[in-house]
Amino acid sequence: GFRRCQLVLAVPESWLDVTTLADLADLAVEWKRRGRTMRIATKF
């Protein structure tokens, strides 16, 4: 009943076309084709 929190995925507000997990998956594929890797910072 205390210390409630959520572990979430958060993207920059400037990513206007990325609003869902499906959008994120598509972006990761697109970057992969371009030779770029999506980097996610986390402690989990």
All heavy atoms as atom14 arrays in JSON, in Angstrom:
{
  "sequence": "GFRRCQLVLAVPESWLDVTTLADLADLAVEWKRRGRTMRIATKF",
  "atom14_mask": [
    [1, 1, 1, 1, 0, 0, 0, 0, 0, 0, 0, 0, 0, 0],
    [1, 1, 1, 1, 1, 1, 1, 1, 1, 1, 1, 0, 0, 0],
    [1, 1, 1, 1, 1, 1, 1, 1, 1, 1, 1, 0, 0, 0],
    [1, 1, 1, 1, 1, 1, 1, 1, 1, 1, 1, 0, 0, 0],
    [1, 1, 1, 1, 1, 1, 0, 0, 0, 0, 0, 0, 0, 0],
    [1, 1, 1, 1, 1, 1, 1, 1, 1, 0, 0, 0, 0, 0],
    [1, 1, 1, 1, 1, 1, 1, 1, 0, 0, 0, 0, 0, 0],
    [1, 1, 1, 1, 1, 1, 1, 0, 0, 0, 0, 0, 0, 0],
    [1, 1, 1, 1, 1, 1, 1, 1, 0, 0, 0, 0, 0, 0],
    [1, 1, 1, 1, 1, 0, 0, 0, 0, 0, 0, 0, 0, 0],
    [1, 1, 1, 1, 1, 1, 1, 0, 0, 0, 0, 0, 0, 0],
    [1, 1, 1, 1, 1, 1, 1, 0, 0, 0, 0, 0, 0, 0],
    [1, 1, 1, 1, 1, 1, 1, 1, 1, 0, 0, 0, 0, 0],
    [1, 1, 1, 1, 1, 1, 0, 0, 0, 0, 0, 0, 0, 0],
    [1, 1, 1, 1, 1, 1, 1, 1, 1, 1, 1, 1, 1, 1],
    [1, 1, 1, 1, 1, 1, 1, 1, 0, 0, 0, 0, 0, 0],
    [1, 1, 1, 1, 1, 1, 1, 1, 0, 0, 0, 0, 0, 0],
    [1, 1, 1, 1, 1, 1, 1, 0, 0, 0, 0, 0, 0, 0],
    [1, 1, 1, 1, 1, 1, 1, 0, 0, 0, 0, 0, 0, 0],
    [1, 1, 1, 1, 1, 1, 1, 0, 0, 0, 0, 0, 0, 0],
    [1, 1, 1, 1, 1, 1, 1, 1, 0, 0, 0, 0, 0, 0],
    [1, 1, 1, 1, 1, 0, 0, 0, 0, 0, 0, 0, 0, 0],
    [1, 1, 1, 1, 1, 1, 1, 1, 0, 0, 0, 0, 0, 0],
    [1, 1, 1, 1, 1, 1, 1, 1, 0, 0, 0, 0, 0, 0],
    [1, 1, 1, 1, 1, 0, 0, 0, 0, 0, 0, 0, 0, 0],
    [1, 1, 1, 1, 1, 1, 1, 1, 0, 0, 0, 0, 0, 0],
    [1, 1, 1, 1, 1, 1, 1, 1, 0, 0, 0, 0, 0, 0],
    [1, 1, 1, 1, 1, 0, 0, 0, 0, 0, 0, 0, 0, 0],
    [1, 1, 1, 1, 1, 1, 1, 0, 0, 0, 0, 0, 0, 0],
    [1, 1, 1, 1, 1, 1, 1, 1, 1, 0, 0, 0, 0, 0],
    [1, 1, 1, 1, 1, 1, 1, 1, 1, 1, 1, 1, 1, 1],
    [1, 1, 1, 1, 1, 1, 1, 1, 1, 0, 0, 0, 0, 0],
    [1, 1, 1, 1, 1, 1, 1, 1, 1, 1, 1, 0, 0, 0],
    [1, 1, 1, 1, 1, 1, 1, 1, 1, 1, 1, 0, 0, 0],
    [1, 1, 1, 1, 0, 0, 0, 0, 0, 0, 0, 0, 0, 0],
    [1, 1, 1, 1, 1, 1, 1, 1, 1, 1, 1, 0, 0, 0],
    [1, 1, 1, 1, 1, 1, 1, 0, 0, 0, 0, 0, 0, 0],
    [1, 1, 1, 1, 1, 1, 1, 1, 0, 0, 0, 0, 0, 0],
    [1, 1, 1, 1, 1, 1, 1, 1, 1, 1, 1, 0, 0, 0],
    [1, 1, 1, 1, 1, 1, 1, 1, 0, 0, 0, 0, 0, 0],
    [1, 1, 1, 1, 1, 0, 0, 0, 0, 0, 0, 0, 0, 0],
    [1, 1, 1, 1, 1, 1, 1, 0, 0, 0, 0, 0, 0, 0],
    [1, 1, 1, 1, 1, 1, 1, 1, 1, 0, 0, 0, 0, 0],
    [1, 1, 1, 1, 1, 1, 1, 1, 1, 1, 1, 0, 0, 0]
  ],
  "atom14_positions": [
    [[0.77, -1.24, 0.0], [0.0, 0.0, 0.0], [0.8, 1.29, 0.0], [0.23, 2.36, 0.18], [0.0, 0.0, 0.0], [0.0, 0.0, 0.0], [0.0, 0.0, 0.0], [0.0, 0.0, 0.0], [0.0, 0.0, 0.0], [0.0, 0.0, 0.0], [0.0, 0.0, 0.0], [0.0, 0.0, 0.0], [0.0, 0.0, 0.0], [0.0, 0.0, 0.0]],
    [[2.1, 1.21, -0.23], [2.87, 2.45, -0.31], [3.98, 2.31, -1.35], [4.26, 1.22, -1.83], [3.44, 2.85, 1.06], [4.46, 1.9, 1.63], [5.82, 2.14, 1.49], [4.07, 0.77, 2.35], [6.76, 1.28, 2.02], [5.01, -0.1, 2.91], [6.36, 0.16, 2.74], [0.0, 0.0, 0.0], [0.0, 0.0, 0.0], [0.0, 0.0, 0.0]],
    [[4.58, 3.46, -1.71], [5.63, 3.54, -2.72], [5.16, 3.0, -4.07], [5.84, 2.24, -4.75], [6.89, 2.8, -2.25], [7.53, 3.38, -1.02], [8.04, 4.78, -1.23], [9.24, 4.82, -2.07], [9.87, 5.94, -2.43], [9.41, 7.12, -2.02], [10.93, 5.9, -3.19], [0.0, 0.0, 0.0], [0.0, 0.0, 0.0], [0.0, 0.0, 0.0]],
    [[3.98, 3.44, -4.49], [3.46, 3.01, -5.79], [4.18, 3.74, -6.92], [4.45, 4.94, -6.84], [1.96, 3.28, -5.87], [1.15, 2.51, -4.84], [-0.35, 2.69, -5.09], [-1.14, 2.03, -4.06], [-1.38, 0.73, -4.0], [-0.88, -0.06, -4.94], [-2.09, 0.22, -3.03], [0.0, 0.0, 0.0], [0.0, 0.0, 0.0], [0.0, 0.0, 0.0]],
    [[4.48, 3.01, -7.98], [5.14, 3.6, -9.14], [4.89, 2.72, -10.35], [4.3, 1.64, -10.24], [6.64, 3.77, -8.89], [7.5, 2.22, -8.55], [0.0, 0.0, 0.0], [0.0, 0.0, 0.0], [0.0, 0.0, 0.0], [0.0, 0.0, 0.0], [0.0, 0.0, 0.0], [0.0, 0.0, 0.0], [0.0, 0.0, 0.0], [0.0, 0.0, 0.0]],
    [[5.33, 3.18, -11.51], [5.21, 2.41, -12.74], [6.54, 2.43, -13.48], [7.23, 3.47, -13.52], [4.12, 3.0, -13.65], [2.72, 2.94, -13.08], [1.7, 3.52, -14.05], [2.05, 4.13, -15.06], [0.44, 3.32, -13.75], [0.0, 0.0, 0.0], [0.0, 0.0, 0.0], [0.0, 0.0, 0.0], [0.0, 0.0, 0.0], [0.0, 0.0, 0.0]],
    [[6.91, 1.31, -14.06], [8.05, 1.24, -14.95], [7.5, 1.44, -16.36], [6.66, 0.65, -16.81], [8.75, -0.11, -14.83], [9.95, -0.36, -15.76], [11.06, 0.66, -15.52], [10.48, -1.78, -15.57], [0.0, 0.0, 0.0], [0.0, 0.0, 0.0], [0.0, 0.0, 0.0], [0.0, 0.0, 0.0], [0.0, 0.0, 0.0], [0.0, 0.0, 0.0]],
    [[7.95, 2.5, -17.04], [7.34, 2.88, -18.31], [8.39, 3.12, -19.39], [9.56, 3.4, -19.1], [6.49, 4.17, -18.16], [5.37, 3.96, -17.14], [7.37, 5.36, -17.75], [0.0, 0.0, 0.0], [0.0, 0.0, 0.0], [0.0, 0.0, 0.0], [0.0, 0.0, 0.0], [0.0, 0.0, 0.0], [0.0, 0.0, 0.0], [0.0, 0.0, 0.0]],
    [[7.94, 3.03, -20.63], [8.74, 3.44, -21.78], [8.37, 4.87, -22.12], [7.18, 5.17, -22.34], [8.46, 2.54, -22.99], [9.15, 1.19, -23.06], [8.62, 0.41, -24.27], [10.66, 1.34, -23.17], [0.0, 0.0, 0.0], [0.0, 0.0, 0.0], [0.0, 0.0, 0.0], [0.0, 0.0, 0.0], [0.0, 0.0, 0.0], [0.0, 0.0, 0.0]],
    [[9.36, 5.75, -22.16], [9.09, 7.16, -22.45], [9.99, 7.63, -23.59], [11.19, 7.36, -23.6], [9.32, 8.02, -21.21], [0.0, 0.0, 0.0], [0.0, 0.0, 0.0], [0.0, 0.0, 0.0], [0.0, 0.0, 0.0], [0.0, 0.0, 0.0], [0.0, 0.0, 0.0], [0.0, 0.0, 0.0], [0.0, 0.0, 0.0], [0.0, 0.0, 0.0]],
    [[9.38, 8.32, -24.56], [10.1, 8.8, -25.74], [10.1, 10.33, -25.73], [9.27, 10.96, -25.06], [9.45, 8.28, -27.03], [9.44, 6.76, -27.05], [8.03, 8.82, -27.19], [0.0, 0.0, 0.0], [0.0, 0.0, 0.0], [0.0, 0.0, 0.0], [0.0, 0.0, 0.0], [0.0, 0.0, 0.0], [0.0, 0.0, 0.0], [0.0, 0.0, 0.0]],
    [[11.0, 10.96, -26.48], [10.99, 12.42, -26.57], [9.68, 12.93, -27.15], [9.08, 12.31, -28.04], [12.17, 12.72, -27.51], [13.08, 11.53, -27.37], [12.16, 10.37, -27.18], [0.0, 0.0, 0.0], [0.0, 0.0, 0.0], [0.0, 0.0, 0.0], [0.0, 0.0, 0.0], [0.0, 0.0, 0.0], [0.0, 0.0, 0.0], [0.0, 0.0, 0.0]],
    [[9.22, 14.06, -26.66], [7.99, 14.66, -27.17], [8.09, 15.0, -28.65], [7.09, 15.08, -29.36], [7.66, 15.93, -26.37], [7.21, 15.65, -24.94], [6.9, 16.92, -24.18], [7.24, 18.02, -24.69], [6.32, 16.83, -23.08], [0.0, 0.0, 0.0], [0.0, 0.0, 0.0], [0.0, 0.0, 0.0], [0.0, 0.0, 0.0], [0.0, 0.0, 0.0]],
    [[9.31, 15.19, -29.14], [9.51, 15.54, -30.55], [9.22, 14.38, -31.5], [9.09, 14.58, -32.71], [10.95, 16.02, -30.77], [11.87, 15.01, -30.39], [0.0, 0.0, 0.0], [0.0, 0.0, 0.0], [0.0, 0.0, 0.0], [0.0, 0.0, 0.0], [0.0, 0.0, 0.0], [0.0, 0.0, 0.0], [0.0, 0.0, 0.0], [0.0, 0.0, 0.0]],
    [[9.1, 13.16, -30.96], [8.77, 12.0, -31.79], [7.26, 11.98, -32.04], [6.52, 11.15, -31.5], [9.21, 10.71, -31.12], [10.7, 10.51, -31.05], [11.67, 11.44, -31.21], [11.37, 9.28, -30.79], [12.91, 10.89, -31.06], [12.77, 9.55, -30.81], [10.95, 7.98, -30.54], [13.73, 8.57, -30.58], [11.89, 7.0, -30.31], [13.27, 7.28, -30.34]],
    [[6.78, 12.88, -32.87], [5.35, 13.07, -33.05], [4.66, 11.85, -33.66], [3.47, 11.6, -33.41], [5.1, 14.3, -33.93], [5.64, 15.63, -33.39], [5.35, 16.75, -34.37], [5.04, 15.93, -32.02], [0.0, 0.0, 0.0], [0.0, 0.0, 0.0], [0.0, 0.0, 0.0], [0.0, 0.0, 0.0], [0.0, 0.0, 0.0], [0.0, 0.0, 0.0]],
    [[5.38, 11.09, -34.48], [4.77, 9.95, -35.16], [4.9, 8.65, -34.37], [4.47, 7.59, -34.85], [5.41, 9.75, -36.55], [5.14, 10.92, -37.48], [4.08, 11.56, -37.32], [5.98, 11.19, -38.36], [0.0, 0.0, 0.0], [0.0, 0.0, 0.0], [0.0, 0.0, 0.0], [0.0, 0.0, 0.0], [0.0, 0.0, 0.0], [0.0, 0.0, 0.0]],
    [[5.48, 8.71, -33.2], [5.65, 7.51, -32.38], [4.8, 7.67, -31.14], [5.18, 8.36, -30.19], [7.13, 7.28, -32.01], [7.28, 6.02, -31.16], [7.98, 7.19, -33.26], [0.0, 0.0, 0.0], [0.0, 0.0, 0.0], [0.0, 0.0, 0.0], [0.0, 0.0, 0.0], [0.0, 0.0, 0.0], [0.0, 0.0, 0.0], [0.0, 0.0, 0.0]],
    [[3.63, 7.03, -31.13], [2.73, 7.15, -29.99], [2.41, 5.8, -29.35], [1.96, 5.76, -28.21], [1.41, 7.82, -30.4], [0.78, 7.04, -31.41], [1.67, 9.23, -30.94], [0.0, 0.0, 0.0], [0.0, 0.0, 0.0], [0.0, 0.0, 0.0], [0.0, 0.0, 0.0], [0.0, 0.0, 0.0], [0.0, 0.0, 0.0], [0.0, 0.0, 0.0]],
    [[2.62, 4.72, -30.11], [2.29, 3.38, -29.6], [3.49, 2.45, -29.69], [4.5, 2.78, -30.32], [1.13, 2.76, -30.41], [1.59, 2.51, -31.75], [-0.07, 3.7, -30.45], [0.0, 0.0, 0.0], [0.0, 0.0, 0.0], [0.0, 0.0, 0.0], [0.0, 0.0, 0.0], [0.0, 0.0, 0.0], [0.0, 0.0, 0.0], [0.0, 0.0, 0.0]],
    [[3.36, 1.28, -29.1], [4.42, 0.28, -29.19], [4.6, -0.19, -30.63], [5.73, -0.49, -31.05], [4.09, -0.91, -28.28], [4.25, -0.66, -26.78], [3.63, -1.82, -25.99], [5.72, -0.5, -26.41], [0.0, 0.0, 0.0], [0.0, 0.0, 0.0], [0.0, 0.0, 0.0], [0.0, 0.0, 0.0], [0.0, 0.0, 0.0], [0.0, 0.0, 0.0]],
    [[3.52, -0.27, -31.38], [3.62, -0.66, -32.8], [4.45, 0.37, -33.57], [5.27, 0.0, -34.43], [2.22, -0.79, -33.4], [0.0, 0.0, 0.0], [0.0, 0.0, 0.0], [0.0, 0.0, 0.0], [0.0, 0.0, 0.0], [0.0, 0.0, 0.0], [0.0, 0.0, 0.0], [0.0, 0.0, 0.0], [0.0, 0.0, 0.0], [0.0, 0.0, 0.0]],
    [[4.24, 1.66, -33.26], [5.03, 2.71, -33.91], [6.51, 2.55, -33.56], [7.38, 2.73, -34.42], [4.56, 4.09, -33.47], [3.13, 4.39, -33.93], [2.69, 3.8, -34.93], [2.48, 5.22, -33.27], [0.0, 0.0, 0.0], [0.0, 0.0, 0.0], [0.0, 0.0, 0.0], [0.0, 0.0, 0.0], [0.0, 0.0, 0.0], [0.0, 0.0, 0.0]],
    [[6.77, 2.22, -32.32], [8.16, 2.05, -31.88], [8.8, 0.86, -32.59], [9.96, 0.92, -33.0], [8.21, 1.85, -30.37], [9.61, 1.85, -29.74], [10.25, 3.23, -29.84], [9.54, 1.42, -28.28], [0.0, 0.0, 0.0], [0.0, 0.0, 0.0], [0.0, 0.0, 0.0], [0.0, 0.0, 0.0], [0.0, 0.0, 0.0], [0.0, 0.0, 0.0]],
    [[8.04, -0.22, -32.74], [8.56, -1.4, -33.44], [8.88, -1.06, -34.89], [9.93, -1.48, -35.42], [7.53, -2.53, -33.36], [0.0, 0.0, 0.0], [0.0, 0.0, 0.0], [0.0, 0.0, 0.0], [0.0, 0.0, 0.0], [0.0, 0.0, 0.0], [0.0, 0.0, 0.0], [0.0, 0.0, 0.0], [0.0, 0.0, 0.0], [0.0, 0.0, 0.0]],
    [[8.01, -0.29, -35.55], [8.25, 0.1, -36.94], [9.49, 0.98, -37.05], [10.3, 0.83, -37.98], [7.04, 0.86, -37.49], [5.83, -0.03, -37.68], [6.01, -1.27, -37.72], [4.7, 0.5, -37.77], [0.0, 0.0, 0.0], [0.0, 0.0, 0.0], [0.0, 0.0, 0.0], [0.0, 0.0, 0.0], [0.0, 0.0, 0.0], [0.0, 0.0, 0.0]],
    [[9.66, 1.91, -36.09], [10.82, 2.79, -36.11], [12.1, 2.0, -35.91], [13.12, 2.27, -36.57], [10.68, 3.85, -35.02], [11.81, 4.89, -34.95], [11.88, 5.7, -36.24], [11.63, 5.81, -33.75], [0.0, 0.0, 0.0], [0.0, 0.0, 0.0], [0.0, 0.0, 0.0], [0.0, 0.0, 0.0], [0.0, 0.0, 0.0], [0.0, 0.0, 0.0]],
    [[12.06, 1.0, -35.02], [13.26, 0.17, -34.79], [13.65, -0.58, -36.06], [14.85, -0.7, -36.36], [12.98, -0.8, -33.64], [0.0, 0.0, 0.0], [0.0, 0.0, 0.0], [0.0, 0.0, 0.0], [0.0, 0.0, 0.0], [0.0, 0.0, 0.0], [0.0, 0.0, 0.0], [0.0, 0.0, 0.0], [0.0, 0.0, 0.0], [0.0, 0.0, 0.0]],
    [[12.66, -1.07, -36.81], [12.94, -1.76, -38.08], [13.53, -0.8, -39.09], [14.51, -1.13, -39.79], [11.65, -2.41, -38.63], [11.87, -2.93, -40.05], [11.18, -3.52, -37.73], [0.0, 0.0, 0.0], [0.0, 0.0, 0.0], [0.0, 0.0, 0.0], [0.0, 0.0, 0.0], [0.0, 0.0, 0.0], [0.0, 0.0, 0.0], [0.0, 0.0, 0.0]],
    [[12.95, 0.4, -39.18], [13.45, 1.4, -40.13], [14.89, 1.78, -39.82], [15.73, 1.88, -40.72], [12.54, 2.63, -40.08], [12.94, 3.72, -41.07], [12.04, 4.94, -40.98], [10.9, 4.79, -40.5], [12.49, 6.03, -41.39], [0.0, 0.0, 0.0], [0.0, 0.0, 0.0], [0.0, 0.0, 0.0], [0.0, 0.0, 0.0], [0.0, 0.0, 0.0]],
    [[15.18, 1.99, -38.52], [16.55, 2.33, -38.14], [17.51, 1.18, -38.44], [18.65, 1.4, -38.83], [16.59, 2.69, -36.64], [16.08, 4.07, -36.36], [15.41, 4.89, -37.21], [16.2, 4.78, -35.12], [15.08, 6.07, -36.59], [15.56, 6.03, -35.29], [16.73, 4.47, -33.89], [15.49, 6.98, -34.29], [16.66, 5.42, -32.87], [16.04, 6.67, -33.06]],
    [[17.03, -0.03, -38.25], [17.86, -1.2, -38.52], [18.28, -1.23, -39.99], [19.44, -1.53, -40.32], [17.08, -2.45, -38.16], [17.77, -3.77, -38.47], [18.94, -4.03, -37.56], [19.5, -5.43, -37.79], [20.69, -5.7, -36.97], [0.0, 0.0, 0.0], [0.0, 0.0, 0.0], [0.0, 0.0, 0.0], [0.0, 0.0, 0.0], [0.0, 0.0, 0.0]],
    [[17.34, -0.91, -40.88], [17.64, -0.88, -42.31], [18.68, 0.18, -42.65], [19.46, 0.02, -43.59], [16.36, -0.62, -43.1], [15.37, -1.79, -43.09], [14.08, -1.38, -43.76], [13.1, -2.48, -43.73], [11.8, -2.3, -43.89], [11.31, -1.07, -44.07], [10.98, -3.33, -43.85], [0.0, 0.0, 0.0], [0.0, 0.0, 0.0], [0.0, 0.0, 0.0]],
    [[18.67, 1.24, -41.88], [19.62, 2.33, -42.12], [20.95, 2.1, -41.42], [21.85, 2.94, -41.47], [19.03, 3.66, -41.64], [17.77, 4.09, -42.37], [17.26, 5.39, -41.78], [16.01, 5.82, -42.39], [15.34, 6.91, -42.01], [15.8, 7.66, -41.0], [14.22, 7.25, -42.63], [0.0, 0.0, 0.0], [0.0, 0.0, 0.0], [0.0, 0.0, 0.0]],
    [[21.05, 0.97, -40.69], [22.28, 0.68, -39.99], [22.39, 1.36, -38.64], [23.49, 1.48, -38.07], [0.0, 0.0, 0.0], [0.0, 0.0, 0.0], [0.0, 0.0, 0.0], [0.0, 0.0, 0.0], [0.0, 0.0, 0.0], [0.0, 0.0, 0.0], [0.0, 0.0, 0.0], [0.0, 0.0, 0.0], [0.0, 0.0, 0.0], [0.0, 0.0, 0.0]],
    [[21.26, 1.78, -38.1], [21.23, 2.46, -36.8], [20.51, 1.59, -35.77], [19.53, 0.93, -36.1], [20.55, 3.81, -36.93], [20.48, 4.62, -35.64], [19.83, 5.96, -35.87], [19.61, 6.67, -34.62], [18.99, 7.85, -34.54], [18.52, 8.44, -35.65], [18.84, 8.44, -33.36], [0.0, 0.0, 0.0], [0.0, 0.0, 0.0], [0.0, 0.0, 0.0]],
    [[21.0, 1.61, -34.55], [20.38, 0.82, -33.49], [19.67, 1.73, -32.49], [20.23, 2.74, -32.05], [21.43, -0.02, -32.74], [22.1, -0.87, -33.67], [20.79, -0.88, -31.67], [0.0, 0.0, 0.0], [0.0, 0.0, 0.0], [0.0, 0.0, 0.0], [0.0, 0.0, 0.0], [0.0, 0.0, 0.0], [0.0, 0.0, 0.0], [0.0, 0.0, 0.0]],
    [[18.45, 1.37, -32.14], [17.7, 2.14, -31.14], [18.27, 1.86, -29.76], [18.4, 0.71, -29.33], [16.22, 1.73, -31.18], [15.34, 2.48, -30.21], [13.58, 2.02, -30.44], [13.25, 2.78, -32.03], [0.0, 0.0, 0.0], [0.0, 0.0, 0.0], [0.0, 0.0, 0.0], [0.0, 0.0, 0.0], [0.0, 0.0, 0.0], [0.0, 0.0, 0.0]],
    [[18.64, 2.92, -29.03], [19.26, 2.79, -27.71], [18.26, 3.18, -26.62], [17.67, 4.24, -26.66], [20.49, 3.68, -27.61], [21.58, 3.36, -28.64], [22.54, 4.52, -28.75], [21.85, 5.75, -29.13], [22.35, 6.98, -29.0], [23.55, 7.15, -28.48], [21.65, 8.03, -29.37], [0.0, 0.0, 0.0], [0.0, 0.0, 0.0], [0.0, 0.0, 0.0]],
    [[18.12, 2.28, -25.64], [17.15, 2.51, -24.56], [17.91, 2.47, -23.23], [18.51, 1.45, -22.88], [16.05, 1.43, -24.57], [15.38, 1.38, -25.94], [15.03, 1.7, -23.47], [14.4, 0.24, -26.11], [0.0, 0.0, 0.0], [0.0, 0.0, 0.0], [0.0, 0.0, 0.0], [0.0, 0.0, 0.0], [0.0, 0.0, 0.0], [0.0, 0.0, 0.0]],
    [[17.88, 3.57, -22.51], [18.53, 3.63, -21.2], [17.6, 3.12, -20.12], [16.42, 3.5, -20.08], [18.95, 5.07, -20.89], [0.0, 0.0, 0.0], [0.0, 0.0, 0.0], [0.0, 0.0, 0.0], [0.0, 0.0, 0.0], [0.0, 0.0, 0.0], [0.0, 0.0, 0.0], [0.0, 0.0, 0.0], [0.0, 0.0, 0.0], [0.0, 0.0, 0.0]],
    [[18.09, 2.23, -19.28], [17.25, 1.66, -18.22], [18.1, 1.08, -17.1], [19.26, 0.71, -17.31], [16.31, 0.58, -18.78], [15.42, 0.15, -17.75], [17.1, -0.62, -19.29], [0.0, 0.0, 0.0], [0.0, 0.0, 0.0], [0.0, 0.0, 0.0], [0.0, 0.0, 0.0], [0.0, 0.0, 0.0], [0.0, 0.0, 0.0], [0.0, 0.0, 0.0]],
    [[17.49, 0.99, -15.92], [18.09, 0.28, -14.79], [17.42, -1.09, -14.61], [17.73, -1.8, -13.66], [17.91, 1.11, -13.51], [18.57, 2.48, -13.57], [18.23, 3.33, -12.35], [18.77, 4.73, -12.49], [18.36, 5.61, -11.35], [0.0, 0.0, 0.0], [0.0, 0.0, 0.0], [0.0, 0.0, 0.0], [0.0, 0.0, 0.0], [0.0, 0.0, 0.0]],
    [[16.49, -1.4, -15.52], [15.75, -2.66, -15.44], [15.87, -3.41, -16.76], [14.89, -3.57, -17.5], [14.28, -2.38, -15.11], [14.07, -1.7, -13.78], [14.13, -0.32, -13.67], [13.83, -2.47, -12.64], [13.94, 0.3, -12.44], [13.64, -1.85, -11.41], [13.71, -0.47, -11.3], [0.0, 0.0, 0.0], [0.0, 0.0, 0.0], [0.0, 0.0, 0.0]]
  ]
}
